[in-house]
């Protein structure tokens, strides 16, 4: 059974850091588009970062460029989201998603994401 499991959320003060993890299990092909999204109450889901696990190419949403870094460990089927210089506006539920056997090509929406994780909450206080 293919699934995604996120972890690493929590509460931090503004300016702090967190690292989120997303483990893809039940699927061994390593050339997938992996994405991080977030959604705050009352707001639309926002694309945060993408990584194509075939070559490590990355893409970022404008609001997180220069602060967040997406990375991978293919041996562990895990994708990470390192979040630095956190702001209260980063408060949201963060979700991991995968579009299997597909490149990312800087496309967050208008594509079919095969699997989603259950989400992990990030809360940034001022």
PDB file of N, CA and C in Angstrom:
ATOM      1  N   UNK A   1       0.846  -1.186   0.000  1.00  0.00           N
ATOM      2  CA  UNK A   1       0.000   0.000   0.000  1.00  0.00           C
ATOM      3  C   UNK A   1       0.890   1.247   0.000  1.00  0.00           C
ATOM      4  N   UNK A   2       0.712   2.066  -1.008  1.00  0.00           N
ATOM      5  CA  UNK A   2       1.506   3.282  -1.106  1.00  0.00           C
ATOM      6  C   UNK A   2       0.937   4.353  -0.200  1.00  0.00           C
ATOM      7  N   UNK A   3       1.818   4.989   0.540  1.00  0.00           N
ATOM      8  CA  UNK A   3       1.356   6.073   1.391  1.00  0.00           C
ATOM      9  C   UNK A   3       2.485   7.045   1.688  1.00  0.00           C
ATOM     10  N   UNK A   4       2.079   8.240   2.102  1.00  0.00           N
ATOM     11  CA  UNK A   4       3.005   9.287   2.509  1.00  0.00           C
ATOM     12  C   UNK A   4       2.751   9.618   3.962  1.00  0.00           C
ATOM     13  N   UNK A   5       3.812   9.765   4.716  1.00  0.00           N
ATOM     14  CA  UNK A   5       3.676  10.109   6.125  1.00  0.00           C
ATOM     15  C   UNK A   5       4.599  11.276   6.429  1.00  0.00           C
ATOM     16  N   UNK A   6       3.988  12.375   6.874  1.00  0.00           N
ATOM     17  CA  UNK A   6       4.770  13.551   7.243  1.00  0.00           C
ATOM     18  C   UNK A   6       5.056  13.565   8.737  1.00  0.00           C
ATOM     19  N   UNK A   7       6.103  14.249   9.094  1.00  0.00           N
ATOM     20  CA  UNK A   7       6.431  14.462  10.504  1.00  0.00           C
ATOM     21  C   UNK A   7       7.298  15.708  10.619  1.00  0.00           C
ATOM     22  N   UNK A   8       7.468  16.168  11.858  1.00  0.00           N
ATOM     23  CA  UNK A   8       8.379  17.275  12.106  1.00  0.00           C
ATOM     24  C   UNK A   8       7.727  18.603  12.388  1.00  0.00           C
ATOM     25  N   UNK A   9       6.412  18.674  12.304  1.00  0.00           N
ATOM     26  CA  UNK A   9       5.744  19.925  12.608  1.00  0.00           C
ATOM     27  C   UNK A   9       5.843  20.264  14.083  1.00  0.00           C
ATOM     28  N   UNK A  10       5.441  21.486  14.400  1.00  0.00           N
ATOM     29  CA  UNK A  10       5.485  21.915  15.789  1.00  0.00           C
ATOM     30  C   UNK A  10       5.255  23.399  15.900  1.00  0.00           C
ATOM     31  N   UNK A  11       5.548  23.919  17.084  1.00  0.00           N
ATOM     32  CA  UNK A  11       5.375  25.342  17.359  1.00  0.00           C
ATOM     33  C   UNK A  11       6.730  25.981  17.593  1.00  0.00           C
ATOM     34  N   UNK A  12       6.972  27.088  16.908  1.00  0.00           N
ATOM     35  CA  UNK A  12       8.224  27.823  17.063  1.00  0.00           C
ATOM     36  C   UNK A  12       7.924  29.306  17.085  1.00  0.00           C
ATOM     37  N   UNK A  13       8.899  30.053  17.543  1.00  0.00           N
ATOM     38  CA  UNK A  13       8.780  31.505  17.488  1.00  0.00           C
ATOM     39  C   UNK A  13       9.288  32.023  16.151  1.00  0.00           C
ATOM     40  N   UNK A  14       8.828  33.185  15.790  1.00  0.00           N
ATOM     41  CA  UNK A  14       9.270  33.816  14.551  1.00  0.00           C
ATOM     42  C   UNK A  14      10.795  33.892  14.521  1.00  0.00           C
ATOM     43  N   UNK A  15      11.340  33.596  13.355  1.00  0.00           N
ATOM     44  CA  UNK A  15      12.785  33.559  13.190  1.00  0.00           C
ATOM     45  C   UNK A  15      13.382  32.186  13.404  1.00  0.00           C
ATOM     46  N   UNK A  16      12.591  31.267  13.935  1.00  0.00           N
ATOM     47  CA  UNK A  16      13.075  29.921  14.204  1.00  0.00           C
ATOM     48  C   UNK A  16      13.053  29.036  12.975  1.00  0.00           C
ATOM     49  N   UNK A  17      13.393  27.770  13.210  1.00  0.00           N
ATOM     50  CA  UNK A  17      13.493  26.795  12.116  1.00  0.00           C
ATOM     51  C   UNK A  17      12.792  25.503  12.493  1.00  0.00           C
ATOM     52  N   UNK A  18      12.348  24.817  11.470  1.00  0.00           N
ATOM     53  CA  UNK A  18      11.811  23.466  11.607  1.00  0.00           C
ATOM     54  C   UNK A  18      12.198  22.681  10.368  1.00  0.00           C
ATOM     55  N   UNK A  19      12.293  21.365  10.524  1.00  0.00           N
ATOM     56  CA  UNK A  19      12.497  20.508   9.366  1.00  0.00           C
ATOM     57  C   UNK A  19      11.389  19.472   9.325  1.00  0.00           C
ATOM     58  N   UNK A  20      10.682  19.461   8.219  1.00  0.00           N
ATOM     59  CA  UNK A  20       9.631  18.484   7.988  1.00  0.00           C
ATOM     60  C   UNK A  20      10.186  17.316   7.182  1.00  0.00           C
ATOM     61  N   UNK A  21       9.640  16.146   7.451  1.00  0.00           N
ATOM     62  CA  UNK A  21      10.012  14.940   6.708  1.00  0.00           C
ATOM     63  C   UNK A  21       8.776  14.325   6.093  1.00  0.00           C
ATOM     64  N   UNK A  22       8.965  13.700   4.951  1.00  0.00           N
ATOM     65  CA  UNK A  22       7.877  12.996   4.266  1.00  0.00           C
ATOM     66  C   UNK A  22       8.444  11.685   3.747  1.00  0.00           C
ATOM     67  N   UNK A  23       7.902  10.586   4.242  1.00  0.00           N
ATOM     68  CA  UNK A  23       8.363   9.264   3.840  1.00  0.00           C
ATOM     69  C   UNK A  23       7.356   8.645   2.891  1.00  0.00           C
ATOM     70  N   UNK A  24       7.842   8.227   1.725  1.00  0.00           N
ATOM     71  CA  UNK A  24       7.025   7.510   0.749  1.00  0.00           C
ATOM     72  C   UNK A  24       7.264   6.013   0.959  1.00  0.00           C
ATOM     73  N   UNK A  25       6.205   5.284   1.280  1.00  0.00           N
ATOM     74  CA  UNK A  25       6.354   3.846   1.484  1.00  0.00           C
ATOM     75  C   UNK A  25       5.450   3.091   0.529  1.00  0.00           C
ATOM     76  N   UNK A  26       5.803   1.831   0.276  1.00  0.00           N
ATOM     77  CA  UNK A  26       5.004   0.983  -0.587  1.00  0.00           C
ATOM     78  C   UNK A  26       5.202   1.232  -2.063  1.00  0.00           C
ATOM     79  N   UNK A  27       6.286   1.960  -2.408  1.00  0.00           N
ATOM     80  CA  UNK A  27       6.549   2.259  -3.820  1.00  0.00           C
ATOM     81  C   UNK A  27       8.040   2.438  -3.967  1.00  0.00           C
ATOM     82  N   UNK A  28       8.637   1.771  -4.937  1.00  0.00           N
ATOM     83  CA  UNK A  28      10.099   1.770  -5.008  1.00  0.00           C
ATOM     84  C   UNK A  28      10.671   2.581  -6.155  1.00  0.00           C
ATOM     85  N   UNK A  29       9.859   2.968  -7.124  1.00  0.00           N
ATOM     86  CA  UNK A  29      10.391   3.747  -8.241  1.00  0.00           C
ATOM     87  C   UNK A  29      10.850   5.088  -7.731  1.00  0.00           C
ATOM     88  N   UNK A  30      12.034   5.534  -8.137  1.00  0.00           N
ATOM     89  CA  UNK A  30      12.653   6.689  -7.489  1.00  0.00           C
ATOM     90  C   UNK A  30      12.581   7.967  -8.316  1.00  0.00           C
ATOM     91  N   UNK A  31      11.890   7.968  -9.436  1.00  0.00           N
ATOM     92  CA  UNK A  31      11.808   9.173 -10.256  1.00  0.00           C
ATOM     93  C   UNK A  31      10.392   9.732 -10.188  1.00  0.00           C
ATOM     94  N   UNK A  32      10.146  10.443  -9.125  1.00  0.00           N
ATOM     95  CA  UNK A  32       8.813  10.988  -8.860  1.00  0.00           C
ATOM     96  C   UNK A  32       8.893  12.473  -8.560  1.00  0.00           C
ATOM     97  N   UNK A  33       7.802  13.157  -8.786  1.00  0.00           N
ATOM     98  CA  UNK A  33       7.691  14.536  -8.326  1.00  0.00           C
ATOM     99  C   UNK A  33       7.116  14.510  -6.911  1.00  0.00           C
ATOM    100  N   UNK A  34       7.845  15.119  -6.004  1.00  0.00           N
ATOM    101  CA  UNK A  34       7.391  15.221  -4.614  1.00  0.00           C
ATOM    102  C   UNK A  34       7.152  16.693  -4.295  1.00  0.00           C
ATOM    103  N   UNK A  35       6.059  16.978  -3.650  1.00  0.00           N
ATOM    104  CA  UNK A  35       5.731  18.362  -3.365  1.00  0.00           C
ATOM    105  C   UNK A  35       5.316  18.604  -1.931  1.00  0.00           C
ATOM    106  N   UNK A  36       5.590  19.810  -1.487  1.00  0.00           N
ATOM    107  CA  UNK A  36       5.080  20.278  -0.207  1.00  0.00           C
ATOM    108  C   UNK A  36       4.071  21.392  -0.466  1.00  0.00           C
ATOM    109  N   UNK A  37       2.942  21.293   0.209  1.00  0.00           N
ATOM    110  CA  UNK A  37       1.894  22.287   0.128  1.00  0.00           C
ATOM    111  C   UNK A  37       1.533  22.707   1.550  1.00  0.00           C
ATOM    112  N   UNK A  38       0.831  23.818   1.653  1.00  0.00           N
ATOM    113  CA  UNK A  38       0.340  24.221   2.971  1.00  0.00           C
ATOM    114  C   UNK A  38      -1.023  24.878   2.810  1.00  0.00           C
ATOM    115  N   UNK A  39      -1.770  24.799   3.898  1.00  0.00           N
ATOM    116  CA  UNK A  39      -3.089  25.417   3.900  1.00  0.00           C
ATOM    117  C   UNK A  39      -3.395  25.939   5.283  1.00  0.00           C
ATOM    118  N   UNK A  40      -3.658  27.226   5.340  1.00  0.00           N
ATOM    119  CA  UNK A  40      -4.049  27.870   6.587  1.00  0.00           C
ATOM    120  C   UNK A  40      -5.568  27.959   6.631  1.00  0.00           C
ATOM    121  N   UNK A  41      -6.152  28.033   7.807  1.00  0.00           N
ATOM    122  CA  UNK A  41      -7.610  28.130   7.908  1.00  0.00           C
ATOM    123  C   UNK A  41      -8.157  29.297   7.109  1.00  0.00           C
ATOM    124  N   UNK A  42      -9.167  29.012   6.295  1.00  0.00           N
ATOM    125  CA  UNK A  42      -9.803  30.055   5.519  1.00  0.00           C
ATOM    126  C   UNK A  42      -9.057  30.476   4.277  1.00  0.00           C
ATOM    127  N   UNK A  43      -7.935  29.815   4.007  1.00  0.00           N
ATOM    128  CA  UNK A  43      -7.144  30.167   2.821  1.00  0.00           C
ATOM    129  C   UNK A  43      -7.045  28.975   1.876  1.00  0.00           C
ATOM    130  N   UNK A  44      -6.707  29.279   0.635  1.00  0.00           N
ATOM    131  CA  UNK A  44      -6.537  28.225  -0.355  1.00  0.00           C
ATOM    132  C   UNK A  44      -5.202  27.514  -0.133  1.00  0.00           C
ATOM    133  N   UNK A  45      -5.143  26.296  -0.622  1.00  0.00           N
ATOM    134  CA  UNK A  45      -3.897  25.543  -0.541  1.00  0.00           C
ATOM    135  C   UNK A  45      -2.839  26.228  -1.396  1.00  0.00           C
ATOM    136  N   UNK A  46      -1.647  26.292  -0.855  1.00  0.00           N
ATOM    137  CA  UNK A  46      -0.541  27.001  -1.506  1.00  0.00           C
ATOM    138  C   UNK A  46       0.602  26.031  -1.780  1.00  0.00           C
ATOM    139  N   UNK A  47       1.165  26.118  -2.967  1.00  0.00           N
ATOM    140  CA  UNK A  47       2.335  25.311  -3.278  1.00  0.00           C
ATOM    141  C   UNK A  47       3.566  25.899  -2.634  1.00  0.00           C
ATOM    142  N   UNK A  48       4.340  25.055  -1.947  1.00  0.00           N
ATOM    143  CA  UNK A  48       5.505  25.516  -1.216  1.00  0.00           C
ATOM    144  C   UNK A  48       6.802  25.160  -1.943  1.00  0.00           C
ATOM    145  N   UNK A  49       6.982  23.886  -2.241  1.00  0.00           N
ATOM    146  CA  UNK A  49       8.229  23.446  -2.874  1.00  0.00           C
ATOM    147  C   UNK A  49       8.017  22.127  -3.586  1.00  0.00           C
ATOM    148  N   UNK A  50       8.817  21.924  -4.640  1.00  0.00           N
ATOM    149  CA  UNK A  50       8.778  20.686  -5.412  1.00  0.00           C
ATOM    150  C   UNK A  50      10.195  20.153  -5.573  1.00  0.00           C
ATOM    151  N   UNK A  51      10.294  18.843  -5.673  1.00  0.00           N
ATOM    152  CA  UNK A  51      11.563  18.232  -6.026  1.00  0.00           C
ATOM    153  C   UNK A  51      11.303  17.014  -6.903  1.00  0.00           C
ATOM    154  N   UNK A  52      12.063  16.912  -7.985  1.00  0.00           N
ATOM    155  CA  UNK A  52      11.997  15.719  -8.814  1.00  0.00           C
ATOM    156  C   UNK A  52      13.091  14.789  -8.321  1.00  0.00           C
ATOM    157  N   UNK A  53      12.712  13.651  -7.793  1.00  0.00           N
ATOM    158  CA  UNK A  53      13.692  12.773  -7.148  1.00  0.00           C
ATOM    159  C   UNK A  53      14.617  12.085  -8.138  1.00  0.00           C
ATOM    160  N   UNK A  54      14.326  12.192  -9.447  1.00  0.00           N
ATOM    161  CA  UNK A  54      15.224  11.617 -10.433  1.00  0.00           C
ATOM    162  C   UNK A  54      16.542  12.355 -10.551  1.00  0.00           C
ATOM    163  N   UNK A  55      16.484  13.705 -10.472  1.00  0.00           N
ATOM    164  CA  UNK A  55      17.719  14.469 -10.621  1.00  0.00           C
ATOM    165  C   UNK A  55      17.898  15.545  -9.568  1.00  0.00           C
ATOM    166  N   UNK A  56      16.949  15.651  -8.632  1.00  0.00           N
ATOM    167  CA  UNK A  56      17.079  16.614  -7.549  1.00  0.00           C
ATOM    168  C   UNK A  56      16.698  18.035  -7.899  1.00  0.00           C
ATOM    169  N   UNK A  57      16.131  18.250  -9.077  1.00  0.00           N
ATOM    170  CA  UNK A  57      15.743  19.612  -9.452  1.00  0.00           C
ATOM    171  C   UNK A  57      14.620  20.101  -8.549  1.00  0.00           C
ATOM    172  N   UNK A  58      14.706  21.363  -8.169  1.00  0.00           N
ATOM    173  CA  UNK A  58      13.789  21.916  -7.177  1.00  0.00           C
ATOM    174  C   UNK A  58      13.098  23.177  -7.694  1.00  0.00           C
ATOM    175  N   UNK A  59      11.947  23.453  -7.115  1.00  0.00           N
ATOM    176  CA  UNK A  59      11.161  24.633  -7.435  1.00  0.00           C
ATOM    177  C   UNK A  59      10.506  25.116  -6.140  1.00  0.00           C
ATOM    178  N   UNK A  60      10.295  26.438  -6.064  1.00  0.00           N
ATOM    179  CA  UNK A  60       9.753  27.000  -4.833  1.00  0.00           C
ATOM    180  C   UNK A  60       8.653  28.007  -5.119  1.00  0.00           C
ATOM    181  N   UNK A  61       7.708  28.075  -4.185  1.00  0.00           N
ATOM    182  CA  UNK A  61       6.732  29.134  -4.226  1.00  0.00           C
ATOM    183  C   UNK A  61       7.394  30.460  -3.876  1.00  0.00           C
ATOM    184  N   UNK A  62       6.871  31.546  -4.394  1.00  0.00           N
ATOM    185  CA  UNK A  62       7.497  32.853  -4.212  1.00  0.00           C
ATOM    186  C   UNK A  62       7.609  33.242  -2.746  1.00  0.00           C
ATOM    187  N   UNK A  63       6.646  32.858  -1.933  1.00  0.00           N
ATOM    188  CA  UNK A  63       6.627  33.299  -0.547  1.00  0.00           C
ATOM    189  C   UNK A  63       7.689  32.614   0.328  1.00  0.00           C
ATOM    190  N   UNK A  64       8.319  31.555  -0.177  1.00  0.00           N
ATOM    191  CA  UNK A  64       9.291  30.833   0.653  1.00  0.00           C
ATOM    192  C   UNK A  64      10.693  30.818   0.058  1.00  0.00           C
ATOM    193  N   UNK A  65      10.852  31.386  -1.117  1.00  0.00           N
ATOM    194  CA  UNK A  65      12.169  31.385  -1.753  1.00  0.00           C
ATOM    195  C   UNK A  65      13.196  32.066  -0.859  1.00  0.00           C
ATOM    196  N   UNK A  66      14.337  31.419  -0.735  1.00  0.00           N
ATOM    197  CA  UNK A  66      15.407  31.957   0.091  1.00  0.00           C
ATOM    198  C   UNK A  66      15.305  31.585   1.565  1.00  0.00           C
ATOM    199  N   UNK A  67      14.185  31.025   1.977  1.00  0.00           N
ATOM    200  CA  UNK A  67      13.998  30.633   3.385  1.00  0.00           C
ATOM    201  C   UNK A  67      13.833  29.139   3.553  1.00  0.00           C
ATOM    202  N   UNK A  68      13.177  28.495   2.606  1.00  0.00           N
ATOM    203  CA  UNK A  68      12.898  27.069   2.690  1.00  0.00           C
ATOM    204  C   UNK A  68      13.769  26.320   1.694  1.00  0.00           C
ATOM    205  N   UNK A  69      14.136  25.106   2.047  1.00  0.00           N
ATOM    206  CA  UNK A  69      14.914  24.252   1.166  1.00  0.00           C
ATOM    207  C   UNK A  69      14.319  22.853   1.165  1.00  0.00           C
ATOM    208  N   UNK A  70      14.037  22.349  -0.028  1.00  0.00           N
ATOM    209  CA  UNK A  70      13.552  20.984  -0.162  1.00  0.00           C
ATOM    210  C   UNK A  70      14.722  20.099  -0.568  1.00  0.00           C
ATOM    211  N   UNK A  71      14.787  18.919  -0.001  1.00  0.00           N
ATOM    212  CA  UNK A  71      15.879  17.997  -0.324  1.00  0.00           C
ATOM    213  C   UNK A  71      15.367  16.569  -0.249  1.00  0.00           C
ATOM    214  N   UNK A  72      16.235  15.618  -0.623  1.00  0.00           N
ATOM    215  CA  UNK A  72      15.791  14.231  -0.682  1.00  0.00           C
ATOM    216  C   UNK A  72      16.861  13.302  -0.161  1.00  0.00           C
ATOM    217  N   UNK A  73      16.420  12.155   0.260  1.00  0.00           N
ATOM    218  CA  UNK A  73      17.304  11.036   0.566  1.00  0.00           C
ATOM    219  C   UNK A  73      16.657   9.825  -0.077  1.00  0.00           C
ATOM    220  N   UNK A  74      17.092   9.497  -1.274  1.00  0.00           N
ATOM    221  CA  UNK A  74      16.448   8.411  -2.013  1.00  0.00           C
ATOM    222  C   UNK A  74      16.612   7.066  -1.314  1.00  0.00           C
ATOM    223  N   UNK A  75      17.697   6.889  -0.616  1.00  0.00           N
ATOM    224  CA  UNK A  75      17.911   5.623   0.081  1.00  0.00           C
ATOM    225  C   UNK A  75      16.839   5.398   1.146  1.00  0.00           C
ATOM    226  N   UNK A  76      16.303   6.498   1.675  1.00  0.00           N
ATOM    227  CA  UNK A  76      15.270   6.407   2.708  1.00  0.00           C
ATOM    228  C   UNK A  76      13.883   6.729   2.175  1.00  0.00           C
ATOM    229  N   UNK A  77      13.783   6.961   0.854  1.00  0.00           N
ATOM    230  CA  UNK A  77      12.495   7.347   0.259  1.00  0.00           C
ATOM    231  C   UNK A  77      11.879   8.524   1.006  1.00  0.00           C
ATOM    232  N   UNK A  78      12.719   9.461   1.352  1.00  0.00           N
ATOM    233  CA  UNK A  78      12.288  10.574   2.192  1.00  0.00           C
ATOM    234  C   UNK A  78      12.625  11.903   1.536  1.00  0.00           C
ATOM    235  N   UNK A  79      11.691  12.820   1.672  1.00  0.00           N
ATOM    236  CA  UNK A  79      11.883  14.199   1.232  1.00  0.00           C
ATOM    237  C   UNK A  79      11.773  15.089   2.458  1.00  0.00           C
ATOM    238  N   UNK A  80      12.624  16.104   2.502  1.00  0.00           N
ATOM    239  CA  UNK A  80      12.663  17.009   3.641  1.00  0.00           C
ATOM    240  C   UNK A  80      12.303  18.426   3.212  1.00  0.00           C
ATOM    241  N   UNK A  81      11.784  19.178   4.146  1.00  0.00           N
ATOM    242  CA  UNK A  81      11.567  20.603   3.933  1.00  0.00           C
ATOM    243  C   UNK A  81      12.189  21.335   5.118  1.00  0.00           C
ATOM    244  N   UNK A  82      13.346  21.942   4.864  1.00  0.00           N
ATOM    245  CA  UNK A  82      14.003  22.741   5.887  1.00  0.00           C
ATOM    246  C   UNK A  82      13.444  24.151   5.821  1.00  0.00           C
ATOM    247  N   UNK A  83      12.888  24.594   6.938  1.00  0.00           N
ATOM    248  CA  UNK A  83      12.229  25.899   6.980  1.00  0.00           C
ATOM    249  C   UNK A  83      12.980  26.793   7.963  1.00  0.00           C
ATOM    250  N   UNK A  84      13.564  27.846   7.428  1.00  0.00           N
ATOM    251  CA  UNK A  84      14.312  28.808   8.245  1.00  0.00           C
ATOM    252  C   UNK A  84      13.624  30.164   8.215  1.00  0.00           C
ATOM    253  N   UNK A  85      14.021  31.014   9.151  1.00  0.00           N
ATOM    254  CA  UNK A  85      13.463  32.370   9.225  1.00  0.00           C
ATOM    255  C   UNK A  85      11.947  32.352   9.166  1.00  0.00           C
ATOM    256  N   UNK A  86      11.362  31.493   9.955  1.00  0.00           N
ATOM    257  CA  UNK A  86       9.911  31.325   9.927  1.00  0.00           C
ATOM    258  C   UNK A  86       9.186  32.576  10.381  1.00  0.00           C
ATOM    259  N   UNK A  87       8.046  32.804   9.763  1.00  0.00           N
ATOM    260  CA  UNK A  87       7.206  33.962  10.050  1.00  0.00           C
ATOM    261  C   UNK A  87       5.827  33.481  10.500  1.00  0.00           C
ATOM    262  N   UNK A  88       5.098  34.322  11.210  1.00  0.00           N
ATOM    263  CA  UNK A  88       3.729  33.920  11.579  1.00  0.00           C
ATOM    264  C   UNK A  88       2.880  33.550  10.366  1.00  0.00           C
ATOM    265  N   UNK A  89       3.134  34.171   9.238  1.00  0.00           N
ATOM    266  CA  UNK A  89       2.400  33.858   8.018  1.00  0.00           C
ATOM    267  C   UNK A  89       2.676  32.467   7.471  1.00  0.00           C
ATOM    268  N   UNK A  90       3.695  31.801   8.000  1.00  0.00           N
ATOM    269  CA  UNK A  90       3.977  30.420   7.587  1.00  0.00           C
ATOM    270  C   UNK A  90       3.117  29.408   8.351  1.00  0.00           C
ATOM    271  N   UNK A  91       2.355  29.882   9.310  1.00  0.00           N
ATOM    272  CA  UNK A  91       1.496  28.992  10.089  1.00  0.00           C
ATOM    273  C   UNK A  91       0.459  28.339   9.190  1.00  0.00           C
ATOM    274  N   UNK A  92       0.426  27.027   9.200  1.00  0.00           N
ATOM    275  CA  UNK A  92      -0.488  26.279   8.331  1.00  0.00           C
ATOM    276  C   UNK A  92      -0.328  24.794   8.604  1.00  0.00           C
ATOM    277  N   UNK A  93      -1.233  24.031   8.022  1.00  0.00           N
ATOM    278  CA  UNK A  93      -1.034  22.576   7.928  1.00  0.00           C
ATOM    279  C   UNK A  93      -0.219  22.321   6.679  1.00  0.00           C
ATOM    280  N   UNK A  94       0.840  21.578   6.819  1.00  0.00           N
ATOM    281  CA  UNK A  94       1.732  21.269   5.704  1.00  0.00           C
ATOM    282  C   UNK A  94       1.495  19.833   5.237  1.00  0.00           C
ATOM    283  N   UNK A  95       1.351  19.699   3.934  1.00  0.00           N
ATOM    284  CA  UNK A  95       1.075  18.396   3.333  1.00  0.00           C
ATOM    285  C   UNK A  95       2.152  18.035   2.328  1.00  0.00           C
ATOM    286  N   UNK A  96       2.432  16.756   2.282  1.00  0.00           N
ATOM    287  CA  UNK A  96       3.327  16.213   1.282  1.00  0.00           C
ATOM    288  C   UNK A  96       2.475  15.490   0.238  1.00  0.00           C
ATOM    289  N   UNK A  97       2.910  15.555  -1.016  1.00  0.00           N
ATOM    290  CA  UNK A  97       2.188  14.874  -2.081  1.00  0.00           C
ATOM    291  C   UNK A  97       3.179  14.310  -3.078  1.00  0.00           C
ATOM    292  N   UNK A  98       2.738  13.306  -3.840  1.00  0.00           N
ATOM    293  CA  UNK A  98       3.586  12.753  -4.872  1.00  0.00           C
ATOM    294  C   UNK A  98       2.821  12.513  -6.163  1.00  0.00           C
ATOM    295  N   UNK A  99       3.463  12.872  -7.251  1.00  0.00           N
ATOM    296  CA  UNK A  99       2.977  12.570  -8.597  1.00  0.00           C
ATOM    297  C   UNK A  99       3.984  11.572  -9.149  1.00  0.00           C
ATOM    298  N   UNK A 100       3.574  10.301  -9.169  1.00  0.00           N
ATOM    299  CA  UNK A 100       4.517   9.224  -9.431  1.00  0.00           C
ATOM    300  C   UNK A 100       4.985   9.196 -10.881  1.00  0.00           C
ATOM    301  N   UNK A 101       6.251   8.871 -11.064  1.00  0.00           N
ATOM    302  CA  UNK A 101       6.860   8.667 -12.378  1.00  0.00           C
ATOM    303  C   UNK A 101       6.696   9.886 -13.276  1.00  0.00           C
ATOM    304  N   UNK A 102       6.781  11.064 -12.669  1.00  0.00           N
ATOM    305  CA  UNK A 102       6.566  12.296 -13.415  1.00  0.00           C
ATOM    306  C   UNK A 102       7.551  13.368 -12.970  1.00  0.00           C
ATOM    307  N   UNK A 103       8.016  14.163 -13.923  1.00  0.00           N
ATOM    308  CA  UNK A 103       8.838  15.320 -13.573  1.00  0.00           C
ATOM    309  C   UNK A 103       7.945  16.411 -12.990  1.00  0.00           C
ATOM    310  N   UNK A 104       8.584  17.352 -12.269  1.00  0.00           N
ATOM    311  CA  UNK A 104       7.822  18.416 -11.639  1.00  0.00           C
ATOM    312  C   UNK A 104       7.593  19.593 -12.575  1.00  0.00           C
ATOM    313  N   UNK A 105       8.640  20.023 -13.256  1.00  0.00           N
ATOM    314  CA  UNK A 105       8.543  21.126 -14.232  1.00  0.00           C
ATOM    315  C   UNK A 105       7.869  22.360 -13.660  1.00  0.00           C
ATOM    316  N   UNK A 106       8.094  22.634 -12.386  1.00  0.00           N
ATOM    317  CA  UNK A 106       7.612  23.871 -11.758  1.00  0.00           C
ATOM    318  C   UNK A 106       6.090  24.011 -11.840  1.00  0.00           C
ATOM    319  N   UNK A 107       5.402  22.899 -11.754  1.00  0.00           N
ATOM    320  CA  UNK A 107       3.943  22.915 -11.801  1.00  0.00           C
ATOM    321  C   UNK A 107       3.385  22.365 -10.491  1.00  0.00           C
ATOM    322  N   UNK A 108       2.756  23.254  -9.695  1.00  0.00           N
ATOM    323  CA  UNK A 108       2.150  22.819  -8.439  1.00  0.00           C
ATOM    324  C   UNK A 108       0.716  22.324  -8.659  1.00  0.00           C
ATOM    325  N   UNK A 109      -0.030  23.065  -9.455  1.00  0.00           N
ATOM    326  CA  UNK A 109      -1.429  22.751  -9.650  1.00  0.00           C
ATOM    327  C   UNK A 109      -1.676  22.433 -11.119  1.00  0.00           C
ATOM    328  N   UNK A 110      -2.875  22.010 -11.439  1.00  0.00           N
ATOM    329  CA  UNK A 110      -3.174  21.608 -12.806  1.00  0.00           C
ATOM    330  C   UNK A 110      -2.537  20.293 -13.160  1.00  0.00           C
ATOM    331  N   UNK A 111      -2.257  19.498 -12.170  1.00  0.00           N
ATOM    332  CA  UNK A 111      -1.714  18.168 -12.381  1.00  0.00           C
ATOM    333  C   UNK A 111      -2.394  17.233 -11.395  1.00  0.00           C
ATOM    334  N   UNK A 112      -2.269  15.962 -11.609  1.00  0.00           N
ATOM    335  CA  UNK A 112      -2.888  14.991 -10.707  1.00  0.00           C
ATOM    336  C   UNK A 112      -1.849  14.470  -9.725  1.00  0.00           C
ATOM    337  N   UNK A 113      -2.060  14.761  -8.466  1.00  0.00           N
ATOM    338  CA  UNK A 113      -1.190  14.227  -7.426  1.00  0.00           C
ATOM    339  C   UNK A 113      -1.757  12.859  -7.011  1.00  0.00           C
ATOM    340  N   UNK A 114      -0.917  11.839  -7.071  1.00  0.00           N
ATOM    341  CA  UNK A 114      -1.409  10.479  -6.836  1.00  0.00           C
ATOM    342  C   UNK A 114      -1.709  10.206  -5.362  1.00  0.00           C
ATOM    343  N   UNK A 115      -0.856  10.716  -4.489  1.00  0.00           N
ATOM    344  CA  UNK A 115      -1.033  10.463  -3.065  1.00  0.00           C
ATOM    345  C   UNK A 115      -0.730  11.723  -2.266  1.00  0.00           C
ATOM    346  N   UNK A 116      -1.446  11.858  -1.152  1.00  0.00           N
ATOM    347  CA  UNK A 116      -1.243  12.935  -0.195  1.00  0.00           C
ATOM    348  C   UNK A 116      -0.997  12.349   1.187  1.00  0.00           C
ATOM    349  N   UNK A 117      -0.204  13.047   1.976  1.00  0.00           N
ATOM    350  CA  UNK A 117      -0.053  12.675   3.364  1.00  0.00           C
ATOM    351  C   UNK A 117      -1.179  13.267   4.200  1.00  0.00           C
ATOM    352  N   UNK A 118      -1.124  12.952   5.480  1.00  0.00           N
ATOM    353  CA  UNK A 118      -2.189  13.392   6.370  1.00  0.00           C
ATOM    354  C   UNK A 118      -1.971  14.815   6.886  1.00  0.00           C
ATOM    355  N   UNK A 119      -0.784  15.329   6.710  1.00  0.00           N
ATOM    356  CA  UNK A 119      -0.482  16.693   7.116  1.00  0.00           C
ATOM    357  C   UNK A 119       0.206  16.777   8.466  1.00  0.00           C
ATOM    358  N   UNK A 120       0.974  17.831   8.630  1.00  0.00           N
ATOM    359  CA  UNK A 120       1.626  18.112   9.913  1.00  0.00           C
ATOM    360  C   UNK A 120       1.518  19.614  10.166  1.00  0.00           C
ATOM    361  N   UNK A 121       1.133  19.963  11.380  1.00  0.00           N
ATOM    362  CA  UNK A 121       0.852  21.358  11.709  1.00  0.00           C
ATOM    363  C   UNK A 121       2.132  22.110  12.055  1.00  0.00           C
ATOM    364  N   UNK A 122       2.239  23.302  11.465  1.00  0.00           N
ATOM    365  CA  UNK A 122       3.330  24.220  11.804  1.00  0.00           C
ATOM    366  C   UNK A 122       2.700  25.509  12.320  1.00  0.00           C
ATOM    367  N   UNK A 123       3.106  25.918  13.500  1.00  0.00           N
ATOM    368  CA  UNK A 123       2.590  27.139  14.100  1.00  0.00           C
ATOM    369  C   UNK A 123       3.759  28.049  14.474  1.00  0.00           C
ATOM    370  N   UNK A 124       3.724  29.267  13.951  1.00  0.00           N
ATOM    371  CA  UNK A 124       4.798  30.222  14.207  1.00  0.00           C
ATOM    372  C   UNK A 124       4.209  31.409  14.974  1.00  0.00           C
ATOM    373  N   UNK A 125       4.734  31.652  16.136  1.00  0.00           N
ATOM    374  CA  UNK A 125       4.232  32.747  16.969  1.00  0.00           C
ATOM    375  C   UNK A 125       5.162  33.955  16.880  1.00  0.00           C
ATOM    376  N   UNK A 126       4.572  35.125  17.056  1.00  0.00           N
ATOM    377  CA  UNK A 126       5.360  36.362  16.944  1.00  0.00           C
ATOM    378  C   UNK A 126       5.967  36.765  18.281  1.00  0.00           C
TER     379      UNK A 126
END
